[in-house]
Amino acid sequence: MTTLYKYLPQIDLHGLDREYSKILINEFIRDNYELRNEKVLIIHGIGTGILKKTTHEVLKNNKLVESYKLDNFNSGTTVVEIRKKI
């Protein structure tokens, strides 16, 4: 992980299945929205890409997510920008 993101809230999905990952991602995003965190990290690993695909599908459909992208230096991590709380 780059030092740029060292202190951001993060969740690690290594070893989890798709369904449990979906639940945890949505809870993680909701909790960080409530805490007014603007940026978080989701560590899904590289592997076969199943968790990365699942993560991006969940983020695409979550209304609290402003945007997301793979970390430029670690393709096993997705950086998520959360909508600002009104």
PDB file of N, CA and C in Angstrom:
ATOM      1  N   MET A   1       0.853  -1.178   0.000  1.00  0.00           N
ATOM      2  CA  MET A   1       0.000   0.000   0.000  1.00  0.00           C
ATOM      3  C   MET A   1       0.890   1.230   0.000  1.00  0.00           C
ATOM      4  N   THR A   2       0.517   2.206  -0.800  1.00  0.00           N
ATOM      5  CA  THR A   2       1.301   3.426  -0.868  1.00  0.00           C
ATOM      6  C   THR A   2       1.069   4.268   0.379  1.00  0.00           C
ATOM      7  N   THR A   3       2.045   5.099   0.708  1.00  0.00           N
ATOM      8  CA  THR A   3       1.914   5.947   1.893  1.00  0.00           C
ATOM      9  C   THR A   3       0.802   6.965   1.724  1.00  0.00           C
ATOM     10  N   LEU A   4       0.430   7.248   0.486  1.00  0.00           N
ATOM     11  CA  LEU A   4      -0.653   8.186   0.207  1.00  0.00           C
ATOM     12  C   LEU A   4      -1.955   7.727   0.874  1.00  0.00           C
ATOM     13  N   TYR A   5      -2.184   6.432   0.923  1.00  0.00           N
ATOM     14  CA  TYR A   5      -3.429   5.882   1.453  1.00  0.00           C
ATOM     15  C   TYR A   5      -3.262   5.208   2.813  1.00  0.00           C
ATOM     16  N   LYS A   6      -2.112   5.370   3.427  1.00  0.00           N
ATOM     17  CA  LYS A   6      -1.762   4.640   4.644  1.00  0.00           C
ATOM     18  C   LYS A   6      -2.789   4.783   5.775  1.00  0.00           C
ATOM     19  N   TYR A   7      -3.380   5.959   5.934  1.00  0.00           N
ATOM     20  CA  TYR A   7      -4.255   6.211   7.071  1.00  0.00           C
ATOM     21  C   TYR A   7      -5.743   6.193   6.732  1.00  0.00           C
ATOM     22  N   LEU A   8      -6.091   5.756   5.543  1.00  0.00           N
ATOM     23  CA  LEU A   8      -7.503   5.680   5.173  1.00  0.00           C
ATOM     24  C   LEU A   8      -8.154   4.446   5.791  1.00  0.00           C
ATOM     25  N   PRO A   9      -9.448   4.549   6.126  1.00  0.00           N
ATOM     26  CA  PRO A   9     -10.166   3.352   6.594  1.00  0.00           C
ATOM     27  C   PRO A   9     -10.127   2.283   5.496  1.00  0.00           C
ATOM     28  N   GLN A  10     -10.003   1.039   5.906  1.00  0.00           N
ATOM     29  CA  GLN A  10      -9.922  -0.034   4.915  1.00  0.00           C
ATOM     30  C   GLN A  10     -10.584  -1.306   5.414  1.00  0.00           C
ATOM     31  N   ILE A  11     -10.969  -2.116   4.449  1.00  0.00           N
ATOM     32  CA  ILE A  11     -11.526  -3.434   4.744  1.00  0.00           C
ATOM     33  C   ILE A  11     -10.795  -4.433   3.850  1.00  0.00           C
ATOM     34  N   ASP A  12     -10.469  -5.592   4.405  1.00  0.00           N
ATOM     35  CA  ASP A  12      -9.743  -6.626   3.671  1.00  0.00           C
ATOM     36  C   ASP A  12     -10.676  -7.815   3.440  1.00  0.00           C
ATOM     37  N   LEU A  13     -10.903  -8.135   2.183  1.00  0.00           N
ATOM     38  CA  LEU A  13     -11.843  -9.193   1.816  1.00  0.00           C
ATOM     39  C   LEU A  13     -11.170 -10.538   1.532  1.00  0.00           C
ATOM     40  N   HIS A  14      -9.869 -10.631   1.722  1.00  0.00           N
ATOM     41  CA  HIS A  14      -9.162 -11.885   1.447  1.00  0.00           C
ATOM     42  C   HIS A  14      -9.834 -13.061   2.167  1.00  0.00           C
ATOM     43  N   GLY A  15     -10.077 -14.125   1.427  1.00  0.00           N
ATOM     44  CA  GLY A  15     -10.623 -15.346   2.009  1.00  0.00           C
ATOM     45  C   GLY A  15     -12.135 -15.375   2.158  1.00  0.00           C
ATOM     46  N   LEU A  16     -12.808 -14.294   1.791  1.00  0.00           N
ATOM     47  CA  LEU A  16     -14.266 -14.256   1.933  1.00  0.00           C
ATOM     48  C   LEU A  16     -14.943 -14.695   0.645  1.00  0.00           C
ATOM     49  N   ASP A  17     -16.188 -15.160   0.746  1.00  0.00           N
ATOM     50  CA  ASP A  17     -16.936 -15.497  -0.468  1.00  0.00           C
ATOM     51  C   ASP A  17     -17.682 -14.262  -0.985  1.00  0.00           C
ATOM     52  N   ARG A  18     -18.240 -14.389  -2.171  1.00  0.00           N
ATOM     53  CA  ARG A  18     -18.905 -13.251  -2.829  1.00  0.00           C
ATOM     54  C   ARG A  18     -20.051 -12.673  -2.012  1.00  0.00           C
ATOM     55  N   GLU A  19     -20.934 -13.534  -1.543  1.00  0.00           N
ATOM     56  CA  GLU A  19     -22.133 -13.057  -0.845  1.00  0.00           C
ATOM     57  C   GLU A  19     -21.788 -12.317   0.445  1.00  0.00           C
ATOM     58  N   TYR A  20     -20.867 -12.882   1.224  1.00  0.00           N
ATOM     59  CA  TYR A  20     -20.468 -12.227   2.463  1.00  0.00           C
ATOM     60  C   TYR A  20     -19.738 -10.916   2.156  1.00  0.00           C
ATOM     61  N   SER A  21     -18.941 -10.908   1.099  1.00  0.00           N
ATOM     62  CA  SER A  21     -18.233  -9.687   0.689  1.00  0.00           C
ATOM     63  C   SER A  21     -19.211  -8.571   0.350  1.00  0.00           C
ATOM     64  N   LYS A  22     -20.282  -8.900  -0.361  1.00  0.00           N
ATOM     65  CA  LYS A  22     -21.278  -7.894  -0.734  1.00  0.00           C
ATOM     66  C   LYS A  22     -21.863  -7.218   0.502  1.00  0.00           C
ATOM     67  N   ILE A  23     -22.196  -8.025   1.496  1.00  0.00           N
ATOM     68  CA  ILE A  23     -22.779  -7.488   2.735  1.00  0.00           C
ATOM     69  C   ILE A  23     -21.775  -6.582   3.433  1.00  0.00           C
ATOM     70  N   LEU A  24     -20.540  -7.070   3.578  1.00  0.00           N
ATOM     71  CA  LEU A  24     -19.523  -6.289   4.281  1.00  0.00           C
ATOM     72  C   LEU A  24     -19.182  -4.986   3.570  1.00  0.00           C
ATOM     73  N   ILE A  25     -19.115  -5.009   2.248  1.00  0.00           N
ATOM     74  CA  ILE A  25     -18.800  -3.794   1.497  1.00  0.00           C
ATOM     75  C   ILE A  25     -19.880  -2.744   1.719  1.00  0.00           C
ATOM     76  N   ASN A  26     -21.137  -3.137   1.588  1.00  0.00           N
ATOM     77  CA  ASN A  26     -22.232  -2.176   1.773  1.00  0.00           C
ATOM     78  C   ASN A  26     -22.263  -1.618   3.195  1.00  0.00           C
ATOM     79  N   GLU A  27     -22.025  -2.466   4.200  1.00  0.00           N
ATOM     80  CA  GLU A  27     -21.980  -1.993   5.584  1.00  0.00           C
ATOM     81  C   GLU A  27     -20.800  -1.047   5.795  1.00  0.00           C
ATOM     82  N   PHE A  28     -19.653  -1.384   5.218  1.00  0.00           N
ATOM     83  CA  PHE A  28     -18.448  -0.560   5.337  1.00  0.00           C
ATOM     84  C   PHE A  28     -18.673   0.821   4.718  1.00  0.00           C
ATOM     85  N   ILE A  29     -19.278   0.858   3.535  1.00  0.00           N
ATOM     86  CA  ILE A  29     -19.560   2.135   2.876  1.00  0.00           C
ATOM     87  C   ILE A  29     -20.554   2.943   3.710  1.00  0.00           C
ATOM     88  N   ARG A  30     -21.612   2.313   4.168  1.00  0.00           N
ATOM     89  CA  ARG A  30     -22.614   3.016   4.974  1.00  0.00           C
ATOM     90  C   ARG A  30     -22.003   3.586   6.253  1.00  0.00           C
ATOM     91  N   ASP A  31     -21.221   2.778   6.951  1.00  0.00           N
ATOM     92  CA  ASP A  31     -20.587   3.235   8.185  1.00  0.00           C
ATOM     93  C   ASP A  31     -19.661   4.429   7.938  1.00  0.00           C
ATOM     94  N   ASN A  32     -18.887   4.370   6.861  1.00  0.00           N
ATOM     95  CA  ASN A  32     -17.962   5.461   6.572  1.00  0.00           C
ATOM     96  C   ASN A  32     -18.678   6.707   6.071  1.00  0.00           C
ATOM     97  N   TYR A  33     -19.820   6.528   5.426  1.00  0.00           N
ATOM     98  CA  TYR A  33     -20.660   7.672   5.058  1.00  0.00           C
ATOM     99  C   TYR A  33     -21.149   8.370   6.324  1.00  0.00           C
ATOM    100  N   GLU A  34     -21.618   7.582   7.284  1.00  0.00           N
ATOM    101  CA  GLU A  34     -22.098   8.141   8.557  1.00  0.00           C
ATOM    102  C   GLU A  34     -20.974   8.845   9.317  1.00  0.00           C
ATOM    103  N   LEU A  35     -19.759   8.315   9.207  1.00  0.00           N
ATOM    104  CA  LEU A  35     -18.602   8.920   9.867  1.00  0.00           C
ATOM    105  C   LEU A  35     -18.020  10.106   9.081  1.00  0.00           C
ATOM    106  N   ARG A  36     -18.594  10.353   7.909  1.00  0.00           N
ATOM    107  CA  ARG A  36     -18.170  11.444   7.022  1.00  0.00           C
ATOM    108  C   ARG A  36     -16.754  11.268   6.475  1.00  0.00           C
ATOM    109  N   ASN A  37     -16.340  10.034   6.323  1.00  0.00           N
ATOM    110  CA  ASN A  37     -15.064   9.758   5.666  1.00  0.00           C
ATOM    111  C   ASN A  37     -15.276   9.887   4.164  1.00  0.00           C
ATOM    112  N   GLU A  38     -14.409  10.612   3.509  1.00  0.00           N
ATOM    113  CA  GLU A  38     -14.579  10.860   2.082  1.00  0.00           C
ATOM    114  C   GLU A  38     -13.927   9.822   1.191  1.00  0.00           C
ATOM    115  N   LYS A  39     -12.935   9.098   1.724  1.00  0.00           N
ATOM    116  CA  LYS A  39     -12.205   8.131   0.918  1.00  0.00           C
ATOM    117  C   LYS A  39     -11.895   6.912   1.767  1.00  0.00           C
ATOM    118  N   VAL A  40     -12.068   5.722   1.193  1.00  0.00           N
ATOM    119  CA  VAL A  40     -11.766   4.464   1.884  1.00  0.00           C
ATOM    120  C   VAL A  40     -11.104   3.497   0.905  1.00  0.00           C
ATOM    121  N   LEU A  41     -10.525   2.440   1.454  1.00  0.00           N
ATOM    122  CA  LEU A  41      -9.884   1.408   0.642  1.00  0.00           C
ATOM    123  C   LEU A  41     -10.578   0.073   0.840  1.00  0.00           C
ATOM    124  N   ILE A  42     -10.730  -0.640  -0.258  1.00  0.00           N
ATOM    125  CA  ILE A  42     -11.226  -2.015  -0.197  1.00  0.00           C
ATOM    126  C   ILE A  42     -10.135  -2.898  -0.789  1.00  0.00           C
ATOM    127  N   ILE A  43      -9.611  -3.790   0.044  1.00  0.00           N
ATOM    128  CA  ILE A  43      -8.550  -4.698  -0.387  1.00  0.00           C
ATOM    129  C   ILE A  43      -9.207  -6.022  -0.777  1.00  0.00           C
ATOM    130  N   HIS A  44      -9.169  -6.322  -2.067  1.00  0.00           N
ATOM    131  CA  HIS A  44      -9.813  -7.537  -2.576  1.00  0.00           C
ATOM    132  C   HIS A  44      -8.803  -8.530  -3.111  1.00  0.00           C
ATOM    133  N   GLY A  45      -7.570  -8.113  -3.248  1.00  0.00           N
ATOM    134  CA  GLY A  45      -6.532  -8.984  -3.782  1.00  0.00           C
ATOM    135  C   GLY A  45      -6.605  -9.089  -5.299  1.00  0.00           C
ATOM    136  N   ILE A  46      -5.675  -9.823  -5.857  1.00  0.00           N
ATOM    137  CA  ILE A  46      -5.607  -9.973  -7.316  1.00  0.00           C
ATOM    138  C   ILE A  46      -6.205 -11.320  -7.715  1.00  0.00           C
ATOM    139  N   GLY A  47      -5.614 -12.401  -7.284  1.00  0.00           N
ATOM    140  CA  GLY A  47      -6.146 -13.748  -7.508  1.00  0.00           C
ATOM    141  C   GLY A  47      -6.801 -13.964  -8.857  1.00  0.00           C
ATOM    142  N   THR A  48      -7.979 -14.560  -8.848  1.00  0.00           N
ATOM    143  CA  THR A  48      -8.712 -14.842 -10.092  1.00  0.00           C
ATOM    144  C   THR A  48      -9.578 -13.663 -10.519  1.00  0.00           C
ATOM    145  N   GLY A  49      -9.691 -12.648  -9.664  1.00  0.00           N
ATOM    146  CA  GLY A  49     -10.465 -11.459 -10.002  1.00  0.00           C
ATOM    147  C   GLY A  49     -11.918 -11.507  -9.572  1.00  0.00           C
ATOM    148  N   ILE A  50     -12.332 -12.583  -8.922  1.00  0.00           N
ATOM    149  CA  ILE A  50     -13.738 -12.721  -8.521  1.00  0.00           C
ATOM    150  C   ILE A  50     -14.118 -11.651  -7.501  1.00  0.00           C
ATOM    151  N   LEU A  51     -13.284 -11.456  -6.478  1.00  0.00           N
ATOM    152  CA  LEU A  51     -13.614 -10.456  -5.459  1.00  0.00           C
ATOM    153  C   LEU A  51     -13.523  -9.031  -6.007  1.00  0.00           C
ATOM    154  N   LYS A  52     -12.591  -8.794  -6.927  1.00  0.00           N
ATOM    155  CA  LYS A  52     -12.501  -7.468  -7.552  1.00  0.00           C
ATOM    156  C   LYS A  52     -13.775  -7.184  -8.343  1.00  0.00           C
ATOM    157  N   LYS A  53     -14.212  -8.153  -9.119  1.00  0.00           N
ATOM    158  CA  LYS A  53     -15.428  -7.992  -9.913  1.00  0.00           C
ATOM    159  C   LYS A  53     -16.641  -7.768  -9.006  1.00  0.00           C
ATOM    160  N   THR A  54     -16.752  -8.559  -7.959  1.00  0.00           N
ATOM    161  CA  THR A  54     -17.850  -8.422  -7.005  1.00  0.00           C
ATOM    162  C   THR A  54     -17.813  -7.045  -6.354  1.00  0.00           C
ATOM    163  N   THR A  55     -16.631  -6.623  -5.916  1.00  0.00           N
ATOM    164  CA  THR A  55     -16.468  -5.304  -5.281  1.00  0.00           C
ATOM    165  C   THR A  55     -16.948  -4.205  -6.207  1.00  0.00           C
ATOM    166  N   HIS A  56     -16.527  -4.217  -7.448  1.00  0.00           N
ATOM    167  CA  HIS A  56     -16.889  -3.158  -8.396  1.00  0.00           C
ATOM    168  C   HIS A  56     -18.381  -3.183  -8.731  1.00  0.00           C
ATOM    169  N   GLU A  57     -18.982  -4.367  -8.776  1.00  0.00           N
ATOM    170  CA  GLU A  57     -20.431  -4.454  -9.003  1.00  0.00           C
ATOM    171  C   GLU A  57     -21.201  -3.821  -7.844  1.00  0.00           C
ATOM    172  N   VAL A  58     -20.769  -4.123  -6.623  1.00  0.00           N
ATOM    173  CA  VAL A  58     -21.430  -3.557  -5.440  1.00  0.00           C
ATOM    174  C   VAL A  58     -21.273  -2.038  -5.419  1.00  0.00           C
ATOM    175  N   LEU A  59     -20.068  -1.554  -5.679  1.00  0.00           N
ATOM    176  CA  LEU A  59     -19.813  -0.105  -5.641  1.00  0.00           C
ATOM    177  C   LEU A  59     -20.607   0.626  -6.724  1.00  0.00           C
ATOM    178  N   LYS A  60     -20.725   0.011  -7.890  1.00  0.00           N
ATOM    179  CA  LYS A  60     -21.468   0.624  -8.996  1.00  0.00           C
ATOM    180  C   LYS A  60     -22.934   0.840  -8.633  1.00  0.00           C
ATOM    181  N   ASN A  61     -23.474  -0.034  -7.801  1.00  0.00           N
ATOM    182  CA  ASN A  61     -24.896   0.024  -7.447  1.00  0.00           C
ATOM    183  C   ASN A  61     -25.180   0.673  -6.094  1.00  0.00           C
ATOM    184  N   ASN A  62     -24.148   1.160  -5.421  1.00  0.00           N
ATOM    185  CA  ASN A  62     -24.323   1.768  -4.104  1.00  0.00           C
ATOM    186  C   ASN A  62     -24.468   3.285  -4.266  1.00  0.00           C
ATOM    187  N   LYS A  63     -25.599   3.827  -3.838  1.00  0.00           N
ATOM    188  CA  LYS A  63     -25.894   5.252  -4.008  1.00  0.00           C
ATOM    189  C   LYS A  63     -24.983   6.160  -3.201  1.00  0.00           C
ATOM    190  N   LEU A  64     -24.295   5.615  -2.218  1.00  0.00           N
ATOM    191  CA  LEU A  64     -23.413   6.429  -1.377  1.00  0.00           C
ATOM    192  C   LEU A  64     -22.013   6.584  -1.967  1.00  0.00           C
ATOM    193  N   VAL A  65     -21.744   5.877  -3.063  1.00  0.00           N
ATOM    194  CA  VAL A  65     -20.425   5.913  -3.695  1.00  0.00           C
ATOM    195  C   VAL A  65     -20.405   6.966  -4.795  1.00  0.00           C
ATOM    196  N   GLU A  66     -19.481   7.901  -4.665  1.00  0.00           N
ATOM    197  CA  GLU A  66     -19.282   8.940  -5.688  1.00  0.00           C
ATOM    198  C   GLU A  66     -18.501   8.376  -6.868  1.00  0.00           C
ATOM    199  N   SER A  67     -17.391   7.691  -6.567  1.00  0.00           N
ATOM    200  CA  SER A  67     -16.564   7.088  -7.616  1.00  0.00           C
ATOM    201  C   SER A  67     -15.632   6.053  -6.983  1.00  0.00           C
ATOM    202  N   TYR A  68     -15.011   5.259  -7.843  1.00  0.00           N
ATOM    203  CA  TYR A  68     -14.042   4.269  -7.381  1.00  0.00           C
ATOM    204  C   TYR A  68     -13.070   3.963  -8.500  1.00  0.00           C
ATOM    205  N   LYS A  69     -11.867   3.534  -8.122  1.00  0.00           N
ATOM    206  CA  LYS A  69     -10.844   3.172  -9.109  1.00  0.00           C
ATOM    207  C   LYS A  69      -9.840   2.246  -8.450  1.00  0.00           C
ATOM    208  N   LEU A  70      -9.147   1.480  -9.262  1.00  0.00           N
ATOM    209  CA  LEU A  70      -8.065   0.647  -8.748  1.00  0.00           C
ATOM    210  C   LEU A  70      -6.923   1.555  -8.308  1.00  0.00           C
ATOM    211  N   ASP A  71      -6.256   1.177  -7.246  1.00  0.00           N
ATOM    212  CA  ASP A  71      -5.065   1.891  -6.800  1.00  0.00           C
ATOM    213  C   ASP A  71      -4.027   1.793  -7.917  1.00  0.00           C
ATOM    214  N   ASN A  72      -3.418   2.914  -8.265  1.00  0.00           N
ATOM    215  CA  ASN A  72      -2.420   2.942  -9.346  1.00  0.00           C
ATOM    216  C   ASN A  72      -1.216   2.051  -9.078  1.00  0.00           C
ATOM    217  N   PHE A  73      -0.907   1.817  -7.802  1.00  0.00           N
ATOM    218  CA  PHE A  73       0.286   1.062  -7.453  1.00  0.00           C
ATOM    219  C   PHE A  73      -0.006  -0.350  -6.956  1.00  0.00           C
ATOM    220  N   ASN A  74      -1.291  -0.683  -6.773  1.00  0.00           N
ATOM    221  CA  ASN A  74      -1.664  -2.001  -6.256  1.00  0.00           C
ATOM    222  C   ASN A  74      -3.026  -2.387  -6.822  1.00  0.00           C
ATOM    223  N   SER A  75      -3.032  -3.220  -7.833  1.00  0.00           N
ATOM    224  CA  SER A  75      -4.292  -3.584  -8.490  1.00  0.00           C
ATOM    225  C   SER A  75      -5.160  -4.508  -7.635  1.00  0.00           C
ATOM    226  N   GLY A  76      -4.694  -4.850  -6.442  1.00  0.00           N
ATOM    227  CA  GLY A  76      -5.492  -5.647  -5.514  1.00  0.00           C
ATOM    228  C   GLY A  76      -6.278  -4.783  -4.537  1.00  0.00           C
ATOM    229  N   THR A  77      -6.251  -3.468  -4.765  1.00  0.00           N
ATOM    230  CA  THR A  77      -6.943  -2.529  -3.881  1.00  0.00           C
ATOM    231  C   THR A  77      -7.754  -1.542  -4.705  1.00  0.00           C
ATOM    232  N   THR A  78      -8.972  -1.268  -4.257  1.00  0.00           N
ATOM    233  CA  THR A  78      -9.827  -0.271  -4.897  1.00  0.00           C
ATOM    234  C   THR A  78      -9.991   0.911  -3.948  1.00  0.00           C
ATOM    235  N   VAL A  79      -9.795   2.113  -4.488  1.00  0.00           N
ATOM    236  CA  VAL A  79      -9.950   3.355  -3.737  1.00  0.00           C
ATOM    237  C   VAL A  79     -11.362   3.869  -4.024  1.00  0.00           C
ATOM    238  N   VAL A  80     -12.120   4.154  -2.959  1.00  0.00           N
ATOM    239  CA  VAL A  80     -13.520   4.553  -3.102  1.00  0.00           C
ATOM    240  C   VAL A  80     -13.716   5.969  -2.549  1.00  0.00           C
ATOM    241  N   GLU A  81     -14.352   6.814  -3.347  1.00  0.00           N
ATOM    242  CA  GLU A  81     -14.758   8.134  -2.867  1.00  0.00           C
ATOM    243  C   GLU A  81     -16.226   8.064  -2.507  1.00  0.00           C
ATOM    244  N   ILE A  82     -16.528   8.474  -1.272  1.00  0.00           N
ATOM    245  CA  ILE A  82     -17.897   8.415  -0.760  1.00  0.00           C
ATOM    246  C   ILE A  82     -18.535   9.780  -0.894  1.00  0.00           C
ATOM    247  N   ARG A  83     -19.819   9.787  -1.241  1.00  0.00           N
ATOM    248  CA  ARG A  83     -20.537  11.055  -1.357  1.00  0.00           C
ATOM    249  C   ARG A  83     -20.487  11.812  -0.034  1.00  0.00           C
ATOM    250  N   LYS A  84     -20.469  13.119  -0.147  1.00  0.00           N
ATOM    251  CA  LYS A  84     -20.462  13.944   1.060  1.00  0.00           C
ATOM    252  C   LYS A  84     -21.834  13.892   1.716  1.00  0.00           C
ATOM    253  N   LYS A  85     -21.834  13.818   3.023  1.00  0.00           N
ATOM    254  CA  LYS A  85     -23.078  13.765   3.772  1.00  0.00           C
ATOM    255  C   LYS A  85     -23.700  15.157   3.833  1.00  0.00           C
ATOM    256  N   ILE A  86     -24.989  15.205   3.602  1.00  0.00           N
ATOM    257  CA  ILE A  86     -25.701  16.502   3.605  1.00  0.00           C
ATOM    258  C   ILE A  86     -26.307  16.738   4.968  1.00  0.00           C
TER     259      ILE A  86
END
